Amino acid sequence: MFCPKCGNPDQKPETFCRQCGTFLPDFDKLQKKEIPPEQHLTANSVLSLMTAIVSGTLAILLHAFFTGRENTPPLIYITAGFLTAMFFWQAQTFWRTRQLKKHFPKRKMEEKVETESLDTNPLIESAKPKASLNESDFNRAVPPSVIENTTKHPGEKARRKSS
């Protein structure tokens, strides 16, 4: 590793430069692995399902213990209604997330392992191009543009070449 400040070679990452004292971070550790969208959808569906279960259970318990009794405060009914609305909202969110997850292509575990090993394997050589460029043909070279000398200084008159 080279020091980015002074250019001193053979430095170790996560240490200070031996010449100028600049901290040298390990850039390989700083790279974050990208989380696939399927994992986000799974987490969202689990959280939505848990929230739906809890809010539905609490709404049922409030109705069971307080409905039909005398002197029940209106706040209990408002809270039970709010929890019922939360249950239906989270249930539909869970259902839509499951439907959305079906639109993503299924990845096999073997493909994930292969792509991860290809990305982290330093021994893999770079791909060689299939076709190389043709050799230069200087016999068919295009002459300089007619306006080449006129665009550098537009206020001056163009110089003519004598033949």
Foldseek 3Di string as FASTA:
>chain_A
DADPPPGDPDDDAQAADPPPGHHHHDVVVVDDDDDDVLVVLVVLLVVLVVLLVVLVVVLVVLCVPQPPDPPRDVVSVVSSVVSVVSNVVSVVVNVVSVVVSVPDDDDDPVVVVVVVCVVPDPPDDDDDDPDDDDDDDPVPDDDDDPCPQCPPDVVDDGDDDDD
